[in-house]
Structure formats: structure tokens, C-alpha cells
Amino acid sequence: MNLIFMILGMIGLNSYSVKDDLSKEDKRFVKTVIRMHGDKPLAITRKNKSKIMIEYPETMYILNNKGFISSVWILEEGAWLNLGPEIN
């Protein structure tokens, strides 16, 4: 029973868990994209030094280390479609 309360508490406190290997600026950028999207992501992974991927069931955001969205992928009719980079 205590385990259930502990799990529920952890979920409530960390509604958007962000990987610990991200810098403070990266975490802030990731949380901003999550708020913009409006749903909790399936996964947040660092692809390499300069790329972070935020995965949703039908959308993927690739973020660069300069504070821009490098590319957006959407699932359309069973295939992933690249919408390209954010215009800066």
C-alpha cells in the first residue's frame, strides 16, 4: 500500500520527468517544448552532444543545443514525415 502512495507521489511531483544528464538550460528548453505540445512525452533522450529527442506517440521533436527545434517528425498514415527545422 505504501508503495502505491510513493509511486503516485513521484508521478505528481515529476509530471514531466527530464533526464538527469541534461544541463539546466536543456531541461528548461525541453520543459518549454513539452508545455507547447500539451501532453506528457513517452521518452526524452539525448542523441549526442548537440541533439535531444522528445518522443510522443505521433510526434517527435529533435532539439539542438542552440535553443531551436532542429526538426519535427509526425506520424501520418503509418509513415513518419519530417516537417523540417524551426525557422530562426
C-alpha atoms as a PDB file:
ATOM      1  CA  MET A   1       0.000   0.000   0.000  1.00  0.00           C
ATOM      2  CA  ASN A   2       2.836   2.421   0.852  1.00  0.00           C
ATOM      3  CA  LEU A   3       4.428   1.638  -2.496  1.00  0.00           C
ATOM      4  CA  ILE A   4       1.294   2.813  -4.319  1.00  0.00           C
ATOM      5  CA  PHE A   5       1.313   6.129  -2.442  1.00  0.00           C
ATOM      6  CA  MET A   6       5.023   6.579  -3.104  1.00  0.00           C
ATOM      7  CA  ILE A   7       4.569   5.956  -6.847  1.00  0.00           C
ATOM      8  CA  LEU A   8       1.592   8.314  -7.024  1.00  0.00           C
ATOM      9  CA  GLY A   9       3.569  10.975  -5.159  1.00  0.00           C
ATOM     10  CA  MET A  10       6.511  10.637  -7.516  1.00  0.00           C
ATOM     11  CA  ILE A  11       4.242  10.919 -10.534  1.00  0.00           C
ATOM     12  CA  GLY A  12       2.576  14.026  -9.122  1.00  0.00           C
ATOM     13  CA  LEU A  13       5.844  15.736  -8.234  1.00  0.00           C
ATOM     14  CA  ASN A  14       7.525  14.978 -11.536  1.00  0.00           C
ATOM     15  CA  SER A  15       4.773  15.381 -14.073  1.00  0.00           C
ATOM     16  CA  TYR A  16       7.414  15.834 -16.786  1.00  0.00           C
ATOM     17  CA  SER A  17      10.490  13.887 -15.815  1.00  0.00           C
ATOM     18  CA  VAL A  18      13.574  15.086 -17.659  1.00  0.00           C
ATOM     19  CA  LYS A  19      16.738  13.027 -17.852  1.00  0.00           C
ATOM     20  CA  ASP A  20      19.427  13.930 -15.326  1.00  0.00           C
ATOM     21  CA  ASP A  21      22.173  14.114 -17.952  1.00  0.00           C
ATOM     22  CA  LEU A  22      20.716  17.347 -19.367  1.00  0.00           C
ATOM     23  CA  SER A  23      22.020  20.769 -18.420  1.00  0.00           C
ATOM     24  CA  LYS A  24      19.802  23.291 -16.658  1.00  0.00           C
ATOM     25  CA  GLU A  25      19.270  25.185 -19.941  1.00  0.00           C
ATOM     26  CA  ASP A  26      18.452  21.953 -21.801  1.00  0.00           C
ATOM     27  CA  LYS A  27      15.902  20.974 -19.140  1.00  0.00           C
ATOM     28  CA  ARG A  28      14.240  24.375 -19.383  1.00  0.00           C
ATOM     29  CA  PHE A  29      14.064  24.111 -23.192  1.00  0.00           C
ATOM     30  CA  VAL A  30      12.669  20.556 -23.015  1.00  0.00           C
ATOM     31  CA  LYS A  31      10.011  21.615 -20.497  1.00  0.00           C
ATOM     32  CA  THR A  32       9.042  24.545 -22.744  1.00  0.00           C
ATOM     33  CA  VAL A  33       8.531  22.210 -25.719  1.00  0.00           C
ATOM     34  CA  ILE A  34       6.504  19.833 -23.525  1.00  0.00           C
ATOM     35  CA  ARG A  35       4.257  22.691 -22.390  1.00  0.00           C
ATOM     36  CA  MET A  36       3.875  23.818 -26.002  1.00  0.00           C
ATOM     37  CA  HIS A  37       2.881  20.298 -27.104  1.00  0.00           C
ATOM     38  CA  GLY A  38       0.485  19.893 -24.177  1.00  0.00           C
ATOM     39  CA  ASP A  39       0.966  16.183 -23.360  1.00  0.00           C
ATOM     40  CA  LYS A  40       3.420  14.113 -21.385  1.00  0.00           C
ATOM     41  CA  PRO A  41       6.106  12.618 -23.674  1.00  0.00           C
ATOM     42  CA  LEU A  42       6.816   8.915 -23.998  1.00  0.00           C
ATOM     43  CA  ALA A  43      10.575   9.462 -23.797  1.00  0.00           C
ATOM     44  CA  ILE A  44      13.254  12.136 -23.630  1.00  0.00           C
ATOM     45  CA  THR A  45      16.660  11.010 -24.859  1.00  0.00           C
ATOM     46  CA  ARG A  46      19.959  12.660 -25.666  1.00  0.00           C
ATOM     47  CA  LYS A  47      21.022  11.516 -29.122  1.00  0.00           C
ATOM     48  CA  ASN A  48      24.509  13.076 -28.971  1.00  0.00           C
ATOM     49  CA  LYS A  49      26.187  16.186 -27.514  1.00  0.00           C
ATOM     50  CA  SER A  50      24.025  18.551 -29.528  1.00  0.00           C
ATOM     51  CA  LYS A  51      20.683  16.743 -30.062  1.00  0.00           C
ATOM     52  CA  ILE A  52      17.835  15.852 -27.693  1.00  0.00           C
ATOM     53  CA  MET A  53      14.779  13.884 -28.848  1.00  0.00           C
ATOM     54  CA  ILE A  54      11.331  14.233 -27.270  1.00  0.00           C
ATOM     55  CA  GLU A  55       9.035  11.392 -28.337  1.00  0.00           C
ATOM     56  CA  TYR A  56       5.237  11.348 -28.432  1.00  0.00           C
ATOM     57  CA  PRO A  57       3.031   8.651 -29.992  1.00  0.00           C
ATOM     58  CA  GLU A  58       2.543  10.645 -33.197  1.00  0.00           C
ATOM     59  CA  THR A  59       5.218  13.387 -32.973  1.00  0.00           C
ATOM     60  CA  MET A  60       8.975  13.599 -32.399  1.00  0.00           C
ATOM     61  CA  TYR A  61      10.903  16.798 -31.716  1.00  0.00           C
ATOM     62  CA  ILE A  62      14.654  16.951 -32.252  1.00  0.00           C
ATOM     63  CA  LEU A  63      16.139  19.865 -30.288  1.00  0.00           C
ATOM     64  CA  ASN A  64      19.572  21.341 -30.854  1.00  0.00           C
ATOM     65  CA  ASN A  65      21.873  22.844 -28.234  1.00  0.00           C
ATOM     66  CA  LYS A  66      21.311  26.398 -29.501  1.00  0.00           C
ATOM     67  CA  GLY A  67      17.716  26.626 -28.267  1.00  0.00           C
ATOM     68  CA  PHE A  68      15.932  25.740 -31.505  1.00  0.00           C
ATOM     69  CA  ILE A  69      13.866  22.820 -32.747  1.00  0.00           C
ATOM     70  CA  SER A  70      16.126  21.087 -35.256  1.00  0.00           C
ATOM     71  CA  SER A  71      13.320  19.021 -36.807  1.00  0.00           C
ATOM     72  CA  VAL A  72       9.765  17.859 -36.181  1.00  0.00           C
ATOM     73  CA  TRP A  73       8.527  14.442 -37.277  1.00  0.00           C
ATOM     74  CA  ILE A  74       4.842  13.473 -37.392  1.00  0.00           C
ATOM     75  CA  LEU A  75       3.234  10.094 -37.942  1.00  0.00           C
ATOM     76  CA  GLU A  76       0.874  10.379 -40.878  1.00  0.00           C
ATOM     77  CA  GLU A  77      -0.907   7.371 -42.363  1.00  0.00           C
ATOM     78  CA  GLY A  78       1.583   4.966 -40.776  1.00  0.00           C
ATOM     79  CA  ALA A  79       4.727   6.728 -42.037  1.00  0.00           C
ATOM     80  CA  TRP A  80       6.978   9.295 -40.352  1.00  0.00           C
ATOM     81  CA  LEU A  81       7.065  12.629 -42.162  1.00  0.00           C
ATOM     82  CA  ASN A  82       9.829  15.181 -41.485  1.00  0.00           C
ATOM     83  CA  LEU A  83       8.437  18.734 -41.292  1.00  0.00           C
ATOM     84  CA  GLY A  84      11.914  20.252 -41.177  1.00  0.00           C
ATOM     85  CA  PRO A  85      13.573  22.732 -38.798  1.00  0.00           C
ATOM     86  CA  GLU A  86      12.162  25.651 -36.878  1.00  0.00           C
ATOM     87  CA  ILE A  87      12.731  28.863 -38.789  1.00  0.00           C
ATOM     88  CA  ASN A  88      15.020  31.106 -36.741  1.00  0.00           C
END
